[in-house]
Amino acid sequence: MAMSKKDFIQLADFIAMHNKYPSSSDSPFTGAHLATLADFCRSQNSAFNRERWFGYINGQNGPSGGKVKA
């Protein structure tokens, strides 16, 4: 079964939280890690929007690409 938008949002939420509060034994996800994950996501669903996903992880937009709600 292909990954859905909901799956991509949950993955992005996990990454964003991990990068915001990394433990002392963990390092944050790097740009290279995220690029590899984005390639995987695209392979799972041809509708995957890489730029929107990166923007959501970085807090630049909401999960559907719109403005971040305050």
PDB file of N, CA and C in Angstrom:
ATOM      1  N   MET A   1       0.842  -1.175   0.000  1.00  0.00           N
ATOM      2  CA  MET A   1       0.000   0.000   0.000  1.00  0.00           C
ATOM      3  C   MET A   1       0.895   1.249   0.000  1.00  0.00           C
ATOM      4  N   ALA A   2       0.573   2.187  -0.854  1.00  0.00           N
ATOM      5  CA  ALA A   2       1.353   3.426  -0.970  1.00  0.00           C
ATOM      6  C   ALA A   2       1.126   4.315   0.249  1.00  0.00           C
ATOM      7  N   MET A   3       2.125   5.107   0.540  1.00  0.00           N
ATOM      8  CA  MET A   3       1.995   6.066   1.631  1.00  0.00           C
ATOM      9  C   MET A   3       1.024   7.170   1.212  1.00  0.00           C
ATOM     10  N   SER A   4       0.311   7.700   2.180  1.00  0.00           N
ATOM     11  CA  SER A   4      -0.674   8.747   1.923  1.00  0.00           C
ATOM     12  C   SER A   4      -0.168  10.089   2.448  1.00  0.00           C
ATOM     13  N   LYS A   5      -0.909  11.141   2.124  1.00  0.00           N
ATOM     14  CA  LYS A   5      -0.581  12.475   2.632  1.00  0.00           C
ATOM     15  C   LYS A   5      -0.507  12.450   4.154  1.00  0.00           C
ATOM     16  N   LYS A   6      -1.424  11.722   4.789  1.00  0.00           N
ATOM     17  CA  LYS A   6      -1.424  11.619   6.246  1.00  0.00           C
ATOM     18  C   LYS A   6      -0.114  11.001   6.745  1.00  0.00           C
ATOM     19  N   ASP A   7       0.372   9.996   6.049  1.00  0.00           N
ATOM     20  CA  ASP A   7       1.645   9.363   6.424  1.00  0.00           C
ATOM     21  C   ASP A   7       2.803  10.345   6.303  1.00  0.00           C
ATOM     22  N   PHE A   8       2.826  11.129   5.223  1.00  0.00           N
ATOM     23  CA  PHE A   8       3.892  12.105   5.017  1.00  0.00           C
ATOM     24  C   PHE A   8       3.868  13.176   6.102  1.00  0.00           C
ATOM     25  N   ILE A   9       2.674  13.609   6.490  1.00  0.00           N
ATOM     26  CA  ILE A   9       2.539  14.614   7.547  1.00  0.00           C
ATOM     27  C   ILE A   9       3.040  14.058   8.872  1.00  0.00           C
ATOM     28  N   GLN A  10       2.680  12.822   9.189  1.00  0.00           N
ATOM     29  CA  GLN A  10       3.144  12.212  10.440  1.00  0.00           C
ATOM     30  C   GLN A  10       4.666  12.074  10.455  1.00  0.00           C
ATOM     31  N   LEU A  11       5.251  11.692   9.338  1.00  0.00           N
ATOM     32  CA  LEU A  11       6.701  11.577   9.253  1.00  0.00           C
ATOM     33  C   LEU A  11       7.348  12.949   9.439  1.00  0.00           C
ATOM     34  N   ALA A  12       6.806  13.968   8.783  1.00  0.00           N
ATOM     35  CA  ALA A  12       7.339  15.330   8.913  1.00  0.00           C
ATOM     36  C   ALA A  12       7.214  15.831  10.351  1.00  0.00           C
ATOM     37  N   ASP A  13       6.094  15.536  11.011  1.00  0.00           N
ATOM     38  CA  ASP A  13       5.919  15.936  12.412  1.00  0.00           C
ATOM     39  C   ASP A  13       6.992  15.310  13.294  1.00  0.00           C
ATOM     40  N   PHE A  14       7.267  14.042  13.082  1.00  0.00           N
ATOM     41  CA  PHE A  14       8.304  13.356  13.853  1.00  0.00           C
ATOM     42  C   PHE A  14       9.669  13.991  13.614  1.00  0.00           C
ATOM     43  N   ILE A  15       9.992  14.237  12.350  1.00  0.00           N
ATOM     44  CA  ILE A  15      11.295  14.828  12.018  1.00  0.00           C
ATOM     45  C   ILE A  15      11.427  16.208  12.642  1.00  0.00           C
ATOM     46  N   ALA A  16      10.385  17.033  12.509  1.00  0.00           N
ATOM     47  CA  ALA A  16      10.428  18.393  13.056  1.00  0.00           C
ATOM     48  C   ALA A  16      10.608  18.361  14.573  1.00  0.00           C
ATOM     49  N   MET A  17       9.893  17.465  15.252  1.00  0.00           N
ATOM     50  CA  MET A  17      10.018  17.364  16.703  1.00  0.00           C
ATOM     51  C   MET A  17      11.417  16.876  17.083  1.00  0.00           C
ATOM     52  N   HIS A  18      11.902  15.887  16.376  1.00  0.00           N
ATOM     53  CA  HIS A  18      13.245  15.351  16.657  1.00  0.00           C
ATOM     54  C   HIS A  18      14.304  16.434  16.473  1.00  0.00           C
ATOM     55  N   ASN A  19      14.189  17.200  15.391  1.00  0.00           N
ATOM     56  CA  ASN A  19      15.180  18.242  15.126  1.00  0.00           C
ATOM     57  C   ASN A  19      15.078  19.389  16.118  1.00  0.00           C
ATOM     58  N   LYS A  20      13.896  19.621  16.657  1.00  0.00           N
ATOM     59  CA  LYS A  20      13.713  20.702  17.625  1.00  0.00           C
ATOM     60  C   LYS A  20      14.260  20.302  18.990  1.00  0.00           C
ATOM     61  N   TYR A  21      14.080  19.045  19.363  1.00  0.00           N
ATOM     62  CA  TYR A  21      14.487  18.559  20.688  1.00  0.00           C
ATOM     63  C   TYR A  21      15.334  17.298  20.586  1.00  0.00           C
ATOM     64  N   PRO A  22      16.490  17.347  19.895  1.00  0.00           N
ATOM     65  CA  PRO A  22      17.307  16.131  19.809  1.00  0.00           C
ATOM     66  C   PRO A  22      17.875  15.784  21.180  1.00  0.00           C
ATOM     67  N   SER A  23      17.933  14.490  21.461  1.00  0.00           N
ATOM     68  CA  SER A  23      18.539  14.072  22.729  1.00  0.00           C
ATOM     69  C   SER A  23      20.049  14.190  22.604  1.00  0.00           C
ATOM     70  N   SER A  24      20.728  14.074  23.708  1.00  0.00           N
ATOM     71  CA  SER A  24      22.188  14.219  23.699  1.00  0.00           C
ATOM     72  C   SER A  24      22.866  13.120  22.883  1.00  0.00           C
ATOM     73  N   SER A  25      22.205  11.976  22.720  1.00  0.00           N
ATOM     74  CA  SER A  25      22.809  10.878  21.964  1.00  0.00           C
ATOM     75  C   SER A  25      22.374  10.866  20.498  1.00  0.00           C
ATOM     76  N   ASP A  26      21.423  11.707  20.124  1.00  0.00           N
ATOM     77  CA  ASP A  26      20.926  11.762  18.750  1.00  0.00           C
ATOM     78  C   ASP A  26      21.339  13.064  18.087  1.00  0.00           C
ATOM     79  N   SER A  27      21.567  12.989  16.800  1.00  0.00           N
ATOM     80  CA  SER A  27      21.823  14.211  16.051  1.00  0.00           C
ATOM     81  C   SER A  27      20.587  14.510  15.212  1.00  0.00           C
ATOM     82  N   PRO A  28      20.396  15.766  14.839  1.00  0.00           N
ATOM     83  CA  PRO A  28      19.233  16.109  14.028  1.00  0.00           C
ATOM     84  C   PRO A  28      19.345  15.530  12.619  1.00  0.00           C
ATOM     85  N   PHE A  29      18.207  15.426  11.955  1.00  0.00           N
ATOM     86  CA  PHE A  29      18.189  15.018  10.558  1.00  0.00           C
ATOM     87  C   PHE A  29      18.846  16.133   9.746  1.00  0.00           C
ATOM     88  N   THR A  30      19.785  15.779   8.895  1.00  0.00           N
ATOM     89  CA  THR A  30      20.472  16.764   8.060  1.00  0.00           C
ATOM     90  C   THR A  30      19.739  16.922   6.731  1.00  0.00           C
ATOM     91  N   GLY A  31      20.171  17.882   5.950  1.00  0.00           N
ATOM     92  CA  GLY A  31      19.603  18.068   4.622  1.00  0.00           C
ATOM     93  C   GLY A  31      19.756  16.827   3.758  1.00  0.00           C
ATOM     94  N   ALA A  32      20.895  16.150   3.885  1.00  0.00           N
ATOM     95  CA  ALA A  32      21.121  14.917   3.118  1.00  0.00           C
ATOM     96  C   ALA A  32      20.154  13.818   3.555  1.00  0.00           C
ATOM     97  N   HIS A  33      19.908  13.706   4.866  1.00  0.00           N
ATOM     98  CA  HIS A  33      18.938  12.719   5.355  1.00  0.00           C
ATOM     99  C   HIS A  33      17.552  13.024   4.784  1.00  0.00           C
ATOM    100  N   LEU A  34      17.164  14.293   4.859  1.00  0.00           N
ATOM    101  CA  LEU A  34      15.835  14.685   4.392  1.00  0.00           C
ATOM    102  C   LEU A  34      15.686  14.468   2.891  1.00  0.00           C
ATOM    103  N   ALA A  35      16.735  14.731   2.122  1.00  0.00           N
ATOM    104  CA  ALA A  35      16.674  14.509   0.680  1.00  0.00           C
ATOM    105  C   ALA A  35      16.466  13.026   0.369  1.00  0.00           C
ATOM    106  N   THR A  36      17.155  12.166   1.116  1.00  0.00           N
ATOM    107  CA  THR A  36      16.996  10.725   0.922  1.00  0.00           C
ATOM    108  C   THR A  36      15.580  10.278   1.279  1.00  0.00           C
ATOM    109  N   LEU A  37      15.064  10.792   2.395  1.00  0.00           N
ATOM    110  CA  LEU A  37      13.686  10.462   2.784  1.00  0.00           C
ATOM    111  C   LEU A  37      12.686  10.982   1.763  1.00  0.00           C
ATOM    112  N   ALA A  38      12.918  12.182   1.236  1.00  0.00           N
ATOM    113  CA  ALA A  38      12.012  12.748   0.227  1.00  0.00           C
ATOM    114  C   ALA A  38      12.020  11.896  -1.039  1.00  0.00           C
ATOM    115  N   ASP A  39      13.174  11.393  -1.436  1.00  0.00           N
ATOM    116  CA  ASP A  39      13.250  10.502  -2.594  1.00  0.00           C
ATOM    117  C   ASP A  39      12.427   9.242  -2.346  1.00  0.00           C
ATOM    118  N   PHE A  40      12.543   8.694  -1.143  1.00  0.00           N
ATOM    119  CA  PHE A  40      11.753   7.513  -0.794  1.00  0.00           C
ATOM    120  C   PHE A  40      10.262   7.827  -0.837  1.00  0.00           C
ATOM    121  N   CYS A  41       9.866   8.956  -0.244  1.00  0.00           N
ATOM    122  CA  CYS A  41       8.443   9.327  -0.229  1.00  0.00           C
ATOM    123  C   CYS A  41       7.906   9.463  -1.649  1.00  0.00           C
ATOM    124  N   ARG A  42       8.678  10.077  -2.513  1.00  0.00           N
ATOM    125  CA  ARG A  42       8.262  10.240  -3.916  1.00  0.00           C
ATOM    126  C   ARG A  42       8.111   8.883  -4.595  1.00  0.00           C
ATOM    127  N   SER A  43       8.963   7.930  -4.240  1.00  0.00           N
ATOM    128  CA  SER A  43       8.856   6.591  -4.830  1.00  0.00           C
ATOM    129  C   SER A  43       7.603   5.867  -4.349  1.00  0.00           C
ATOM    130  N   GLN A  44       7.100   6.274  -3.185  1.00  0.00           N
ATOM    131  CA  GLN A  44       5.911   5.647  -2.620  1.00  0.00           C
ATOM    132  C   GLN A  44       4.607   6.262  -3.129  1.00  0.00           C
ATOM    133  N   ASN A  45       4.681   7.537  -3.545  1.00  0.00           N
ATOM    134  CA  ASN A  45       3.470   8.228  -3.988  1.00  0.00           C
ATOM    135  C   ASN A  45       3.886   9.324  -4.973  1.00  0.00           C
ATOM    136  N   SER A  46       3.448   9.184  -6.218  1.00  0.00           N
ATOM    137  CA  SER A  46       3.866  10.128  -7.261  1.00  0.00           C
ATOM    138  C   SER A  46       3.327  11.535  -7.032  1.00  0.00           C
ATOM    139  N   ALA A  47       2.338  11.700  -6.166  1.00  0.00           N
ATOM    140  CA  ALA A  47       1.781  13.025  -5.864  1.00  0.00           C
ATOM    141  C   ALA A  47       2.548  13.741  -4.742  1.00  0.00           C
ATOM    142  N   PHE A  48       3.569  13.094  -4.189  1.00  0.00           N
ATOM    143  CA  PHE A  48       4.344  13.688  -3.103  1.00  0.00           C
ATOM    144  C   PHE A  48       4.980  14.996  -3.569  1.00  0.00           C
ATOM    145  N   ASN A  49       4.805  16.052  -2.766  1.00  0.00           N
ATOM    146  CA  ASN A  49       5.350  17.377  -3.088  1.00  0.00           C
ATOM    147  C   ASN A  49       6.517  17.660  -2.155  1.00  0.00           C
ATOM    148  N   ARG A  50       7.699  17.479  -2.671  1.00  0.00           N
ATOM    149  CA  ARG A  50       8.930  17.590  -1.901  1.00  0.00           C
ATOM    150  C   ARG A  50       9.101  18.975  -1.277  1.00  0.00           C
ATOM    151  N   GLU A  51       8.886  20.057  -2.034  1.00  0.00           N
ATOM    152  CA  GLU A  51       9.075  21.414  -1.524  1.00  0.00           C
ATOM    153  C   GLU A  51       8.094  21.717  -0.385  1.00  0.00           C
ATOM    154  N   ARG A  52       6.851  21.291  -0.550  1.00  0.00           N
ATOM    155  CA  ARG A  52       5.841  21.501   0.492  1.00  0.00           C
ATOM    156  C   ARG A  52       6.230  20.752   1.762  1.00  0.00           C
ATOM    157  N   TRP A  53       6.719  19.536   1.597  1.00  0.00           N
ATOM    158  CA  TRP A  53       7.109  18.704   2.736  1.00  0.00           C
ATOM    159  C   TRP A  53       8.269  19.335   3.493  1.00  0.00           C
ATOM    160  N   PHE A  54       9.295  19.800   2.760  1.00  0.00           N
ATOM    161  CA  PHE A  54      10.421  20.489   3.401  1.00  0.00           C
ATOM    162  C   PHE A  54       9.942  21.755   4.109  1.00  0.00           C
ATOM    163  N   GLY A  55       9.060  22.513   3.461  1.00  0.00           N
ATOM    164  CA  GLY A  55       8.521  23.730   4.064  1.00  0.00           C
ATOM    165  C   GLY A  55       7.775  23.444   5.350  1.00  0.00           C
ATOM    166  N   TYR A  56       7.018  22.356   5.369  1.00  0.00           N
ATOM    167  CA  TYR A  56       6.272  21.982   6.575  1.00  0.00           C
ATOM    168  C   TYR A  56       7.235  21.597   7.701  1.00  0.00           C
ATOM    169  N   ILE A  57       8.239  20.812   7.396  1.00  0.00           N
ATOM    170  CA  ILE A  57       9.226  20.418   8.407  1.00  0.00           C
ATOM    171  C   ILE A  57       9.905  21.649   8.997  1.00  0.00           C
ATOM    172  N   ASN A  58      10.202  22.625   8.158  1.00  0.00           N
ATOM    173  CA  ASN A  58      10.908  23.831   8.590  1.00  0.00           C
ATOM    174  C   ASN A  58       9.987  24.911   9.156  1.00  0.00           C
ATOM    175  N   GLY A  59       8.690  24.622   9.250  1.00  0.00           N
ATOM    176  CA  GLY A  59       7.752  25.575   9.837  1.00  0.00           C
ATOM    177  C   GLY A  59       7.404  26.744   8.929  1.00  0.00           C
ATOM    178  N   GLN A  60       7.658  26.627   7.640  1.00  0.00           N
ATOM    179  CA  GLN A  60       7.390  27.701   6.696  1.00  0.00           C
ATOM    180  C   GLN A  60       5.978  27.665   6.141  1.00  0.00           C
ATOM    181  N   ASN A  61       5.327  26.528   6.206  1.00  0.00           N
ATOM    182  CA  ASN A  61       3.954  26.385   5.721  1.00  0.00           C
ATOM    183  C   ASN A  61       3.247  25.295   6.508  1.00  0.00           C
ATOM    184  N   GLY A  62       1.944  25.232   6.340  1.00  0.00           N
ATOM    185  CA  GLY A  62       1.151  24.184   6.980  1.00  0.00           C
ATOM    186  C   GLY A  62       1.265  22.880   6.201  1.00  0.00           C
ATOM    187  N   PRO A  63       0.605  21.823   6.662  1.00  0.00           N
ATOM    188  CA  PRO A  63       0.740  20.511   6.019  1.00  0.00           C
ATOM    189  C   PRO A  63       0.207  20.462   4.580  1.00  0.00           C
ATOM    190  N   SER A  64      -0.681  21.379   4.216  1.00  0.00           N
ATOM    191  CA  SER A  64      -1.197  21.410   2.850  1.00  0.00           C
ATOM    192  C   SER A  64      -0.537  22.500   2.018  1.00  0.00           C
ATOM    193  N   GLY A  65       0.480  23.138   2.549  1.00  0.00           N
ATOM    194  CA  GLY A  65       1.215  24.144   1.822  1.00  0.00           C
ATOM    195  C   GLY A  65       0.795  25.578   2.124  1.00  0.00           C
ATOM    196  N   GLY A  66      -0.290  25.741   2.870  1.00  0.00           N
ATOM    197  CA  GLY A  66      -0.771  27.077   3.201  1.00  0.00           C
ATOM    198  C   GLY A  66       0.035  27.724   4.309  1.00  0.00           C
ATOM    199  N   LYS A  67      -0.389  28.928   4.670  1.00  0.00           N
ATOM    200  CA  LYS A  67       0.299  29.654   5.724  1.00  0.00           C
ATOM    201  C   LYS A  67       0.198  28.915   7.066  1.00  0.00           C
ATOM    202  N   VAL A  68       1.202  29.101   7.876  1.00  0.00           N
ATOM    203  CA  VAL A  68       1.227  28.490   9.198  1.00  0.00           C
ATOM    204  C   VAL A  68       0.221  29.215  10.068  1.00  0.00           C
ATOM    205  N   LYS A  69      -0.629  28.457  10.748  1.00  0.00           N
ATOM    206  CA  LYS A  69      -1.608  29.063  11.658  1.00  0.00           C
ATOM    207  C   LYS A  69      -0.928  29.392  12.973  1.00  0.00           C
ATOM    208  N   ALA A  70      -1.217  30.565  13.472  1.00  0.00           N
ATOM    209  CA  ALA A  70      -0.583  31.034  14.711  1.00  0.00           C
ATOM    210  C   ALA A  70      -1.075  30.334  15.929  1.00  0.00           C
TER     211      ALA A  70
END
